[in-house]
Amino acid sequence: MRDNHEDMIEFIDAFERDGQYFGVVGYQSKRYQFGVKKLGYLALKRALQVRTFDMMPGLAYRYFYAGSQKAAPDERYWMEVRVELARDATKVRLDIPRELHANLLWMQRLDNLAEAAHLEIKI
């Protein structure tokens, strides 16, 4: 496991608006919003609710994309999420839909973030 979260996509939020679903991520000091299907939204919400260290409400957990892949030989996909609380960190594996896998992999592999400028939201 990496010893820090530098250059990792951070999961910020997942929300529904007018029957459509969205994910918000942070990457290289910018924020991006992208559309997802309902299953992608539910996977992001599940990731943002992982509490591996302490269940006390109000703790400042942070969540980072630590890779994803297809679970051979079937059609399922999974991602690893780096979960941080202060100096503690661990990884969890969650099932995700193919479309969310594709979105996250695309962003992670971008050579030029200008290609994602249309998804950027101003902070």
C-alpha atoms as a PDB file:
ATOM      1  CA  MET A   1       0.000   0.000   0.000  1.00  0.00           C
ATOM      2  CA  ARG A   2       1.186   3.515  -0.717  1.00  0.00           C
ATOM      3  CA  ASP A   3       2.324   5.433   2.316  1.00  0.00           C
ATOM      4  CA  ASN A   4       0.336   8.507   1.263  1.00  0.00           C
ATOM      5  CA  HIS A   5      -2.466   9.546  -1.052  1.00  0.00           C
ATOM      6  CA  GLU A   6      -0.534  11.849  -3.387  1.00  0.00           C
ATOM      7  CA  ASP A   7      -1.688  11.618  -7.017  1.00  0.00           C
ATOM      8  CA  MET A   8      -4.729   9.545  -6.053  1.00  0.00           C
ATOM      9  CA  ILE A   9      -8.308  10.429  -6.981  1.00  0.00           C
ATOM     10  CA  GLU A  10     -10.240  11.422  -3.856  1.00  0.00           C
ATOM     11  CA  PHE A  11     -13.919  10.578  -3.546  1.00  0.00           C
ATOM     12  CA  ILE A  12     -15.726  13.727  -2.381  1.00  0.00           C
ATOM     13  CA  ASP A  13     -19.453  13.114  -2.890  1.00  0.00           C
ATOM     14  CA  ALA A  14     -22.157  11.183  -4.709  1.00  0.00           C
ATOM     15  CA  PHE A  15     -25.601  12.659  -5.142  1.00  0.00           C
ATOM     16  CA  GLU A  16     -28.895  12.439  -7.003  1.00  0.00           C
ATOM     17  CA  ARG A  17     -30.562  15.425  -8.639  1.00  0.00           C
ATOM     18  CA  ASP A  18     -33.734  15.337 -10.729  1.00  0.00           C
ATOM     19  CA  GLY A  19     -33.495  11.582 -11.212  1.00  0.00           C
ATOM     20  CA  GLN A  20     -29.875  11.702 -12.405  1.00  0.00           C
ATOM     21  CA  TYR A  21     -26.822  10.521 -10.463  1.00  0.00           C
ATOM     22  CA  PHE A  22     -23.413  12.144 -10.084  1.00  0.00           C
ATOM     23  CA  GLY A  23     -20.041  11.549  -8.502  1.00  0.00           C
ATOM     24  CA  VAL A  24     -17.644  14.269  -7.363  1.00  0.00           C
ATOM     25  CA  VAL A  25     -13.923  13.585  -7.115  1.00  0.00           C
ATOM     26  CA  GLY A  26     -10.857  15.610  -6.311  1.00  0.00           C
ATOM     27  CA  TYR A  27      -7.720  15.191  -8.386  1.00  0.00           C
ATOM     28  CA  GLN A  28      -4.566  17.294  -8.439  1.00  0.00           C
ATOM     29  CA  SER A  29      -6.171  20.142  -6.429  1.00  0.00           C
ATOM     30  CA  LYS A  30      -9.235  20.358  -8.688  1.00  0.00           C
ATOM     31  CA  ARG A  31     -12.744  18.939  -8.404  1.00  0.00           C
ATOM     32  CA  TYR A  32     -14.620  17.096 -11.112  1.00  0.00           C
ATOM     33  CA  GLN A  33     -18.253  16.049 -11.411  1.00  0.00           C
ATOM     34  CA  PHE A  34     -19.376  13.249 -13.708  1.00  0.00           C
ATOM     35  CA  GLY A  35     -22.601  11.403 -14.372  1.00  0.00           C
ATOM     36  CA  VAL A  36     -23.051   7.796 -13.301  1.00  0.00           C
ATOM     37  CA  LYS A  37     -25.817   5.252 -13.467  1.00  0.00           C
ATOM     38  CA  LYS A  38     -27.711   4.386 -10.296  1.00  0.00           C
ATOM     39  CA  LEU A  39     -25.475   1.390  -9.534  1.00  0.00           C
ATOM     40  CA  GLY A  40     -22.383   3.612  -9.827  1.00  0.00           C
ATOM     41  CA  TYR A  41     -23.968   6.147  -7.496  1.00  0.00           C
ATOM     42  CA  LEU A  42     -24.749   3.407  -4.962  1.00  0.00           C
ATOM     43  CA  ALA A  43     -21.164   2.104  -5.165  1.00  0.00           C
ATOM     44  CA  LEU A  44     -19.771   5.595  -4.538  1.00  0.00           C
ATOM     45  CA  LYS A  45     -22.143   6.119  -1.600  1.00  0.00           C
ATOM     46  CA  ARG A  46     -21.073   2.765  -0.178  1.00  0.00           C
ATOM     47  CA  ALA A  47     -17.392   3.772  -0.495  1.00  0.00           C
ATOM     48  CA  LEU A  48     -18.052   7.091   1.254  1.00  0.00           C
ATOM     49  CA  GLN A  49     -19.696   5.306   4.189  1.00  0.00           C
ATOM     50  CA  VAL A  50     -16.868   2.898   5.046  1.00  0.00           C
ATOM     51  CA  ARG A  51     -15.777   3.345   8.668  1.00  0.00           C
ATOM     52  CA  THR A  52     -12.855   0.998   9.246  1.00  0.00           C
ATOM     53  CA  PHE A  53     -11.325   2.633  12.321  1.00  0.00           C
ATOM     54  CA  ASP A  54     -13.963   4.269  14.514  1.00  0.00           C
ATOM     55  CA  MET A  55     -17.731   4.591  14.203  1.00  0.00           C
ATOM     56  CA  MET A  56     -17.980   7.854  16.148  1.00  0.00           C
ATOM     57  CA  PRO A  57     -19.911  10.406  14.048  1.00  0.00           C
ATOM     58  CA  GLY A  58     -18.160  13.519  12.806  1.00  0.00           C
ATOM     59  CA  LEU A  59     -14.728  11.990  12.224  1.00  0.00           C
ATOM     60  CA  ALA A  60     -12.908  13.305   9.155  1.00  0.00           C
ATOM     61  CA  TYR A  61     -12.524  10.192   7.012  1.00  0.00           C
ATOM     62  CA  ARG A  62     -11.063  10.573   3.524  1.00  0.00           C
ATOM     63  CA  TYR A  63     -11.458   8.114   0.633  1.00  0.00           C
ATOM     64  CA  PHE A  64      -9.182   7.578  -2.362  1.00  0.00           C
ATOM     65  CA  TYR A  65      -9.377   5.463  -5.508  1.00  0.00           C
ATOM     66  CA  ALA A  66      -6.640   2.837  -5.290  1.00  0.00           C
ATOM     67  CA  GLY A  67      -7.359   1.000  -8.546  1.00  0.00           C
ATOM     68  CA  SER A  68     -10.007  -1.259 -10.015  1.00  0.00           C
ATOM     69  CA  GLN A  69     -10.255  -4.244 -12.298  1.00  0.00           C
ATOM     70  CA  LYS A  70     -12.460  -6.968 -13.639  1.00  0.00           C
ATOM     71  CA  ALA A  71     -12.982  -9.968 -11.406  1.00  0.00           C
ATOM     72  CA  ALA A  72     -12.211 -12.863 -13.742  1.00  0.00           C
ATOM     73  CA  PRO A  73     -13.861 -14.959 -15.092  1.00  0.00           C
ATOM     74  CA  ASP A  74     -17.254 -13.286 -14.634  1.00  0.00           C
ATOM     75  CA  GLU A  75     -18.448  -9.790 -15.541  1.00  0.00           C
ATOM     76  CA  ARG A  76     -18.099  -8.235 -12.089  1.00  0.00           C
ATOM     77  CA  TYR A  77     -15.672  -5.406 -11.337  1.00  0.00           C
ATOM     78  CA  TRP A  78     -14.189  -4.240  -8.068  1.00  0.00           C
ATOM     79  CA  MET A  79     -12.215  -1.272  -6.820  1.00  0.00           C
ATOM     80  CA  GLU A  80      -9.923  -0.749  -3.897  1.00  0.00           C
ATOM     81  CA  VAL A  81     -10.541   2.319  -1.757  1.00  0.00           C
ATOM     82  CA  ARG A  82      -7.854   3.775   0.476  1.00  0.00           C
ATOM     83  CA  VAL A  83      -9.611   4.835   3.682  1.00  0.00           C
ATOM     84  CA  GLU A  84      -7.839   7.385   5.885  1.00  0.00           C
ATOM     85  CA  LEU A  85      -8.533   8.730   9.333  1.00  0.00           C
ATOM     86  CA  ALA A  86      -5.820  11.108  10.539  1.00  0.00           C
ATOM     87  CA  ARG A  87      -2.572   9.085  10.249  1.00  0.00           C
ATOM     88  CA  ASP A  88      -4.264   5.690   9.934  1.00  0.00           C
ATOM     89  CA  ALA A  89      -4.946   4.176   6.511  1.00  0.00           C
ATOM     90  CA  THR A  90      -6.203   0.890   5.125  1.00  0.00           C
ATOM     91  CA  LYS A  91      -7.711  -0.452   1.909  1.00  0.00           C
ATOM     92  CA  VAL A  92     -11.085  -2.049   1.316  1.00  0.00           C
ATOM     93  CA  ARG A  93     -12.354  -3.798  -1.806  1.00  0.00           C
ATOM     94  CA  LEU A  94     -15.850  -2.995  -3.103  1.00  0.00           C
ATOM     95  CA  ASP A  95     -17.854  -4.328  -6.037  1.00  0.00           C
ATOM     96  CA  ILE A  96     -18.605  -1.667  -8.658  1.00  0.00           C
ATOM     97  CA  PRO A  97     -20.339  -1.547 -12.048  1.00  0.00           C
ATOM     98  CA  ARG A  98     -18.310  -1.560 -15.260  1.00  0.00           C
ATOM     99  CA  GLU A  99     -19.238   2.049 -16.105  1.00  0.00           C
ATOM    100  CA  LEU A 100     -17.826   3.401 -12.840  1.00  0.00           C
ATOM    101  CA  HIS A 101     -14.665   1.350 -13.364  1.00  0.00           C
ATOM    102  CA  ALA A 102     -14.301   2.873 -16.834  1.00  0.00           C
ATOM    103  CA  ASN A 103     -14.867   6.450 -15.602  1.00  0.00           C
ATOM    104  CA  LEU A 104     -12.318   6.195 -12.799  1.00  0.00           C
ATOM    105  CA  LEU A 105      -9.735   4.415 -14.925  1.00  0.00           C
ATOM    106  CA  TRP A 106     -10.109   7.067 -17.649  1.00  0.00           C
ATOM    107  CA  MET A 107      -9.480   9.889 -15.194  1.00  0.00           C
ATOM    108  CA  GLN A 108      -6.564   8.129 -13.538  1.00  0.00           C
ATOM    109  CA  ARG A 109      -4.851   7.550 -16.898  1.00  0.00           C
ATOM    110  CA  LEU A 110      -5.264  11.069 -18.271  1.00  0.00           C
ATOM    111  CA  ASP A 111      -1.973  12.542 -19.464  1.00  0.00           C
ATOM    112  CA  ASN A 112      -3.454  16.017 -19.685  1.00  0.00           C
ATOM    113  CA  LEU A 113      -6.167  17.150 -17.265  1.00  0.00           C
ATOM    114  CA  ALA A 114      -7.317  19.678 -19.864  1.00  0.00           C
ATOM    115  CA  GLU A 115      -9.137  16.721 -21.442  1.00  0.00           C
ATOM    116  CA  ALA A 116     -11.380  16.679 -18.345  1.00  0.00           C
ATOM    117  CA  ALA A 117     -11.892  20.457 -18.200  1.00  0.00           C
ATOM    118  CA  HIS A 118     -15.571  20.075 -19.172  1.00  0.00           C
ATOM    119  CA  LEU A 119     -16.115  18.086 -15.945  1.00  0.00           C
ATOM    120  CA  GLU A 120     -14.340  20.535 -13.647  1.00  0.00           C
ATOM    121  CA  ILE A 121     -16.336  22.341 -10.988  1.00  0.00           C
ATOM    122  CA  LYS A 122     -15.008  25.515  -9.408  1.00  0.00           C
ATOM    123  CA  ILE A 123     -14.325  25.350  -5.703  1.00  0.00           C
END
